């Protein structure tokens, strides 16, 4: 009988660095974001902003919450159903003094404004959450001219925006971008994860 072939391929791994972008365009149903040299195409993503430096990259979580159903006659569940599929991107952001390109996208509890001589985040009084489309983009190991993308169409930072001020180290803020479903999209309501080939 023939043996099953091994599947050992060191090029099918994920190795950064990646870049995290905010305010990218949401593609039409069944489509993907257009890239240009590994970044969001500036024509189709005119408002896109790269969120700058991170402490140690990003973490993507494709969550799965299930409910198991059992019976008195069986010692193990006989059926499981998906209840929730949360998708998040986490990072520790360093460029937190960038009010225009970073803070305005990561503080849904505040309102960004600017005028002559200042930029600010007005705190308090917010009830609605402002969401943006976020994408994490990185080159593939197999072909560094090709990229993979984790794209959340509608998301917000659910973490409190907290940072330390100390002489010993640079400040960073830990974010967790929570993807929300767009009810009108049936096949990809939260986003997509894809690679160029």
C-alpha atoms as a PDB file:
ATOM      1  CA  UNK A   1       0.000   0.000   0.000  1.00  0.00           C
ATOM      2  CA  UNK A   2       1.365   3.479  -0.845  1.00  0.00           C
ATOM      3  CA  UNK A   3       2.411   5.814   1.983  1.00  0.00           C
ATOM      4  CA  UNK A   4       0.884   9.235   2.549  1.00  0.00           C
ATOM      5  CA  UNK A   5       3.259  11.979   1.411  1.00  0.00           C
ATOM      6  CA  UNK A   6       4.686  14.356   4.001  1.00  0.00           C
ATOM      7  CA  UNK A   7       3.568  17.976   3.932  1.00  0.00           C
ATOM      8  CA  UNK A   8       6.664  19.761   5.256  1.00  0.00           C
ATOM      9  CA  UNK A   9       7.099  23.184   3.662  1.00  0.00           C
ATOM     10  CA  UNK A  10       9.026  25.941   5.475  1.00  0.00           C
ATOM     11  CA  UNK A  11       7.700  28.567   3.049  1.00  0.00           C
ATOM     12  CA  UNK A  12       4.086  28.071   4.186  1.00  0.00           C
ATOM     13  CA  UNK A  13       4.631  29.944   7.440  1.00  0.00           C
ATOM     14  CA  UNK A  14       3.750  33.472   8.538  1.00  0.00           C
ATOM     15  CA  UNK A  15       6.700  35.684   9.421  1.00  0.00           C
ATOM     16  CA  UNK A  16       6.397  39.453   9.744  1.00  0.00           C
ATOM     17  CA  UNK A  17       6.731  42.258   9.861  1.00  0.00           C
ATOM     18  CA  UNK A  18       3.217  43.298   8.948  1.00  0.00           C
ATOM     19  CA  UNK A  19       1.648  46.734   8.718  1.00  0.00           C
ATOM     20  CA  UNK A  20      -1.673  47.701  10.261  1.00  0.00           C
ATOM     21  CA  UNK A  21      -3.889  50.168   8.376  1.00  0.00           C
ATOM     22  CA  UNK A  22      -7.027  52.070   9.371  1.00  0.00           C
ATOM     23  CA  UNK A  23      -9.834  53.592   7.286  1.00  0.00           C
ATOM     24  CA  UNK A  24      -9.301  51.322   4.300  1.00  0.00           C
ATOM     25  CA  UNK A  25     -12.112  50.864   1.783  1.00  0.00           C
ATOM     26  CA  UNK A  26     -14.580  47.998   2.161  1.00  0.00           C
ATOM     27  CA  UNK A  27     -14.589  45.919  -1.029  1.00  0.00           C
ATOM     28  CA  UNK A  28     -17.741  44.869  -2.852  1.00  0.00           C
ATOM     29  CA  UNK A  29     -19.231  41.515  -1.871  1.00  0.00           C
ATOM     30  CA  UNK A  30     -16.977  38.673  -2.972  1.00  0.00           C
ATOM     31  CA  UNK A  31     -14.076  41.027  -3.763  1.00  0.00           C
ATOM     32  CA  UNK A  32     -10.842  41.858  -1.982  1.00  0.00           C
ATOM     33  CA  UNK A  33      -8.971  45.065  -1.273  1.00  0.00           C
ATOM     34  CA  UNK A  34      -6.680  46.225  -4.077  1.00  0.00           C
ATOM     35  CA  UNK A  35      -2.992  46.306  -3.127  1.00  0.00           C
ATOM     36  CA  UNK A  36      -0.167  48.340  -4.600  1.00  0.00           C
ATOM     37  CA  UNK A  37       3.359  47.222  -3.628  1.00  0.00           C
ATOM     38  CA  UNK A  38       1.981  45.552  -0.500  1.00  0.00           C
ATOM     39  CA  UNK A  39      -0.023  48.571   0.691  1.00  0.00           C
ATOM     40  CA  UNK A  40      -3.668  49.566   0.200  1.00  0.00           C
ATOM     41  CA  UNK A  41      -3.977  51.057  -3.285  1.00  0.00           C
ATOM     42  CA  UNK A  42      -4.144  54.826  -2.675  1.00  0.00           C
ATOM     43  CA  UNK A  43      -6.748  55.408  -5.393  1.00  0.00           C
ATOM     44  CA  UNK A  44      -9.251  52.936  -3.955  1.00  0.00           C
ATOM     45  CA  UNK A  45      -8.202  53.602  -0.335  1.00  0.00           C
ATOM     46  CA  UNK A  46      -7.757  57.369  -0.353  1.00  0.00           C
ATOM     47  CA  UNK A  47      -8.333  57.687   3.418  1.00  0.00           C
ATOM     48  CA  UNK A  48      -6.108  54.777   4.508  1.00  0.00           C
ATOM     49  CA  UNK A  49      -3.578  55.479   7.267  1.00  0.00           C
ATOM     50  CA  UNK A  50      -0.829  53.166   8.485  1.00  0.00           C
ATOM     51  CA  UNK A  51      -0.946  52.954  12.285  1.00  0.00           C
ATOM     52  CA  UNK A  52       2.821  53.141  12.618  1.00  0.00           C
ATOM     53  CA  UNK A  53       5.193  51.331  14.944  1.00  0.00           C
ATOM     54  CA  UNK A  54       4.259  48.506  17.313  1.00  0.00           C
ATOM     55  CA  UNK A  55       6.129  46.954  20.226  1.00  0.00           C
ATOM     56  CA  UNK A  56       6.035  43.394  18.916  1.00  0.00           C
ATOM     57  CA  UNK A  57       3.758  43.142  15.893  1.00  0.00           C
ATOM     58  CA  UNK A  58       0.110  42.116  15.818  1.00  0.00           C
ATOM     59  CA  UNK A  59      -1.994  39.140  16.907  1.00  0.00           C
ATOM     60  CA  UNK A  60      -5.004  37.996  14.896  1.00  0.00           C
ATOM     61  CA  UNK A  61      -7.658  35.837  16.540  1.00  0.00           C
ATOM     62  CA  UNK A  62     -10.343  34.039  14.563  1.00  0.00           C
ATOM     63  CA  UNK A  63     -12.509  33.121  17.531  1.00  0.00           C
ATOM     64  CA  UNK A  64     -14.983  30.276  17.827  1.00  0.00           C
ATOM     65  CA  UNK A  65     -17.638  29.974  20.513  1.00  0.00           C
ATOM     66  CA  UNK A  66     -19.823  26.884  20.372  1.00  0.00           C
ATOM     67  CA  UNK A  67     -22.705  25.326  22.243  1.00  0.00           C
ATOM     68  CA  UNK A  68     -22.582  21.580  22.773  1.00  0.00           C
ATOM     69  CA  UNK A  69     -25.741  19.477  23.003  1.00  0.00           C
ATOM     70  CA  UNK A  70     -25.810  16.232  24.918  1.00  0.00           C
ATOM     71  CA  UNK A  71     -28.190  13.597  26.081  1.00  0.00           C
ATOM     72  CA  UNK A  72     -28.660  11.378  29.086  1.00  0.00           C
ATOM     73  CA  UNK A  73     -27.838   8.318  27.008  1.00  0.00           C
ATOM     74  CA  UNK A  74     -24.407   9.516  25.771  1.00  0.00           C
ATOM     75  CA  UNK A  75     -21.327  10.549  27.779  1.00  0.00           C
ATOM     76  CA  UNK A  76     -20.155  12.962  25.047  1.00  0.00           C
ATOM     77  CA  UNK A  77     -21.965  15.715  23.131  1.00  0.00           C
ATOM     78  CA  UNK A  78     -23.776  14.451  20.059  1.00  0.00           C
ATOM     79  CA  UNK A  79     -24.081  17.850  18.338  1.00  0.00           C
ATOM     80  CA  UNK A  80     -22.356  21.251  18.402  1.00  0.00           C
ATOM     81  CA  UNK A  81     -23.462  24.574  16.946  1.00  0.00           C
ATOM     82  CA  UNK A  82     -21.480  27.757  16.300  1.00  0.00           C
ATOM     83  CA  UNK A  83     -22.845  30.550  18.490  1.00  0.00           C
ATOM     84  CA  UNK A  84     -20.319  33.342  17.900  1.00  0.00           C
ATOM     85  CA  UNK A  85     -17.240  33.888  15.723  1.00  0.00           C
ATOM     86  CA  UNK A  86     -15.436  36.956  17.099  1.00  0.00           C
ATOM     87  CA  UNK A  87     -12.517  38.236  15.033  1.00  0.00           C
ATOM     88  CA  UNK A  88      -9.931  40.570  16.576  1.00  0.00           C
ATOM     89  CA  UNK A  89      -6.555  42.124  15.823  1.00  0.00           C
ATOM     90  CA  UNK A  90      -4.397  43.074  18.810  1.00  0.00           C
ATOM     91  CA  UNK A  91      -1.245  45.184  18.925  1.00  0.00           C
ATOM     92  CA  UNK A  92       0.760  47.443  21.234  1.00  0.00           C
ATOM     93  CA  UNK A  93       0.946  50.769  19.420  1.00  0.00           C
ATOM     94  CA  UNK A  94       3.959  53.039  19.992  1.00  0.00           C
ATOM     95  CA  UNK A  95       3.086  56.081  17.836  1.00  0.00           C
ATOM     96  CA  UNK A  96       0.463  57.300  20.268  1.00  0.00           C
ATOM     97  CA  UNK A  97       1.346  60.980  19.858  1.00  0.00           C
ATOM     98  CA  UNK A  98       0.107  60.857  16.260  1.00  0.00           C
ATOM     99  CA  UNK A  99      -3.326  62.381  16.792  1.00  0.00           C
ATOM    100  CA  UNK A 100      -4.248  62.588  13.092  1.00  0.00           C
ATOM    101  CA  UNK A 101      -3.188  59.171  11.836  1.00  0.00           C
ATOM    102  CA  UNK A 102      -3.416  56.969  14.936  1.00  0.00           C
ATOM    103  CA  UNK A 103      -5.384  58.281  17.927  1.00  0.00           C
ATOM    104  CA  UNK A 104      -8.489  59.297  16.001  1.00  0.00           C
ATOM    105  CA  UNK A 105      -8.915  55.674  14.855  1.00  0.00           C
ATOM    106  CA  UNK A 106      -8.202  54.014  18.200  1.00  0.00           C
ATOM    107  CA  UNK A 107     -10.229  56.074  20.691  1.00  0.00           C
ATOM    108  CA  UNK A 108     -13.937  55.518  19.949  1.00  0.00           C
ATOM    109  CA  UNK A 109     -14.751  57.164  23.295  1.00  0.00           C
ATOM    110  CA  UNK A 110     -13.342  60.505  22.076  1.00  0.00           C
ATOM    111  CA  UNK A 111     -13.822  62.948  19.209  1.00  0.00           C
ATOM    112  CA  UNK A 112     -10.851  64.207  17.172  1.00  0.00           C
ATOM    113  CA  UNK A 113     -10.563  67.863  16.169  1.00  0.00           C
ATOM    114  CA  UNK A 114      -7.886  70.289  15.103  1.00  0.00           C
ATOM    115  CA  UNK A 115      -7.549  74.021  14.616  1.00  0.00           C
ATOM    116  CA  UNK A 116      -4.753  76.596  14.517  1.00  0.00           C
ATOM    117  CA  UNK A 117      -2.124  75.595  17.064  1.00  0.00           C
ATOM    118  CA  UNK A 118      -3.528  72.280  18.362  1.00  0.00           C
ATOM    119  CA  UNK A 119      -4.917  68.808  17.775  1.00  0.00           C
ATOM    120  CA  UNK A 120      -7.120  67.196  20.403  1.00  0.00           C
ATOM    121  CA  UNK A 121      -9.258  64.276  21.451  1.00  0.00           C
ATOM    122  CA  UNK A 122     -12.372  65.585  23.232  1.00  0.00           C
ATOM    123  CA  UNK A 123     -13.160  63.133  26.027  1.00  0.00           C
ATOM    124  CA  UNK A 124     -16.613  62.188  27.270  1.00  0.00           C
ATOM    125  CA  UNK A 125     -20.105  62.671  25.933  1.00  0.00           C
ATOM    126  CA  UNK A 126     -19.830  59.903  23.326  1.00  0.00           C
ATOM    127  CA  UNK A 127     -22.608  57.317  23.075  1.00  0.00           C
ATOM    128  CA  UNK A 128     -22.245  55.992  19.531  1.00  0.00           C
ATOM    129  CA  UNK A 129     -19.131  54.026  18.571  1.00  0.00           C
ATOM    130  CA  UNK A 130     -17.354  55.213  15.452  1.00  0.00           C
ATOM    131  CA  UNK A 131     -16.123  52.223  13.464  1.00  0.00           C
ATOM    132  CA  UNK A 132     -13.493  51.982  10.733  1.00  0.00           C
ATOM    133  CA  UNK A 133     -12.235  49.336   8.359  1.00  0.00           C
ATOM    134  CA  UNK A 134      -8.823  47.930   9.411  1.00  0.00           C
ATOM    135  CA  UNK A 135      -6.375  45.696   7.548  1.00  0.00           C
ATOM    136  CA  UNK A 136      -3.177  43.903   8.543  1.00  0.00           C
ATOM    137  CA  UNK A 137      -0.912  43.286   5.536  1.00  0.00           C
ATOM    138  CA  UNK A 138       2.345  41.307   5.356  1.00  0.00           C
ATOM    139  CA  UNK A 139       4.473  39.622   2.670  1.00  0.00           C
ATOM    140  CA  UNK A 140       4.338  35.865   2.229  1.00  0.00           C
ATOM    141  CA  UNK A 141       7.494  33.880   3.001  1.00  0.00           C
ATOM    142  CA  UNK A 142       7.087  31.811  -0.152  1.00  0.00           C
ATOM    143  CA  UNK A 143       7.161  34.911  -2.399  1.00  0.00           C
ATOM    144  CA  UNK A 144       7.955  38.286  -0.755  1.00  0.00           C
ATOM    145  CA  UNK A 145       6.403  40.073  -3.769  1.00  0.00           C
ATOM    146  CA  UNK A 146       3.010  38.558  -2.789  1.00  0.00           C
ATOM    147  CA  UNK A 147       1.062  39.556   0.313  1.00  0.00           C
ATOM    148  CA  UNK A 148      -1.557  38.240   2.700  1.00  0.00           C
ATOM    149  CA  UNK A 149      -4.294  40.386   4.221  1.00  0.00           C
ATOM    150  CA  UNK A 150      -6.493  40.127   7.318  1.00  0.00           C
ATOM    151  CA  UNK A 151      -9.244  42.691   6.743  1.00  0.00           C
ATOM    152  CA  UNK A 152     -11.947  43.708   9.253  1.00  0.00           C
ATOM    153  CA  UNK A 153     -14.631  45.684   7.394  1.00  0.00           C
ATOM    154  CA  UNK A 154     -16.213  47.321  10.442  1.00  0.00           C
ATOM    155  CA  UNK A 155     -14.267  47.437  13.698  1.00  0.00           C
ATOM    156  CA  UNK A 156     -13.343  49.514  16.724  1.00  0.00           C
ATOM    157  CA  UNK A 157     -10.771  49.408  19.509  1.00  0.00           C
ATOM    158  CA  UNK A 158     -12.540  47.791  22.449  1.00  0.00           C
ATOM    159  CA  UNK A 159      -9.607  48.210  24.869  1.00  0.00           C
ATOM    160  CA  UNK A 160      -9.374  51.227  27.145  1.00  0.00           C
ATOM    161  CA  UNK A 161      -6.707  53.523  25.717  1.00  0.00           C
ATOM    162  CA  UNK A 162      -4.089  53.304  28.458  1.00  0.00           C
ATOM    163  CA  UNK A 163      -0.373  54.153  28.465  1.00  0.00           C
ATOM    164  CA  UNK A 164       2.411  54.791  30.973  1.00  0.00           C
ATOM    165  CA  UNK A 165       4.522  57.933  31.147  1.00  0.00           C
ATOM    166  CA  UNK A 166       7.981  57.130  32.455  1.00  0.00           C
ATOM    167  CA  UNK A 167      11.588  58.082  31.824  1.00  0.00           C
ATOM    168  CA  UNK A 168      12.603  54.411  31.661  1.00  0.00           C
ATOM    169  CA  UNK A 169      10.702  53.350  28.535  1.00  0.00           C
ATOM    170  CA  UNK A 170       8.651  54.590  25.620  1.00  0.00           C
ATOM    171  CA  UNK A 171       4.894  54.565  26.068  1.00  0.00           C
ATOM    172  CA  UNK A 172       2.678  52.085  24.251  1.00  0.00           C
ATOM    173  CA  UNK A 173      -1.050  51.417  24.192  1.00  0.00           C
ATOM    174  CA  UNK A 174      -2.502  47.939  23.818  1.00  0.00           C
ATOM    175  CA  UNK A 175      -5.372  47.867  21.338  1.00  0.00           C
ATOM    176  CA  UNK A 176      -7.881  45.174  20.435  1.00  0.00           C
ATOM    177  CA  UNK A 177      -9.750  45.807  17.216  1.00  0.00           C
ATOM    178  CA  UNK A 178     -13.098  44.015  17.390  1.00  0.00           C
ATOM    179  CA  UNK A 179     -14.715  43.140  14.077  1.00  0.00           C
ATOM    180  CA  UNK A 180     -18.463  43.697  13.824  1.00  0.00           C
ATOM    181  CA  UNK A 181     -20.787  42.088  11.290  1.00  0.00           C
ATOM    182  CA  UNK A 182     -22.279  44.084   8.419  1.00  0.00           C
ATOM    183  CA  UNK A 183     -25.775  42.584   8.282  1.00  0.00           C
ATOM    184  CA  UNK A 184     -26.228  43.151   4.546  1.00  0.00           C
ATOM    185  CA  UNK A 185     -23.224  40.945   3.646  1.00  0.00           C
ATOM    186  CA  UNK A 186     -24.058  37.250   3.600  1.00  0.00           C
ATOM    187  CA  UNK A 187     -20.785  35.452   2.795  1.00  0.00           C
ATOM    188  CA  UNK A 188     -18.243  37.740   4.508  1.00  0.00           C
ATOM    189  CA  UNK A 189     -20.080  39.932   7.036  1.00  0.00           C
ATOM    190  CA  UNK A 190     -17.025  40.613   9.252  1.00  0.00           C
ATOM    191  CA  UNK A 191     -14.106  40.589   6.824  1.00  0.00           C
ATOM    192  CA  UNK A 192     -11.716  38.266   5.028  1.00  0.00           C
ATOM    193  CA  UNK A 193      -8.314  36.626   5.285  1.00  0.00           C
ATOM    194  CA  UNK A 194      -6.623  36.042   1.962  1.00  0.00           C
ATOM    195  CA  UNK A 195      -3.300  35.935   0.102  1.00  0.00           C
ATOM    196  CA  UNK A 196      -2.131  36.811  -3.367  1.00  0.00           C
ATOM    197  CA  UNK A 197      -1.063  33.923  -5.612  1.00  0.00           C
END
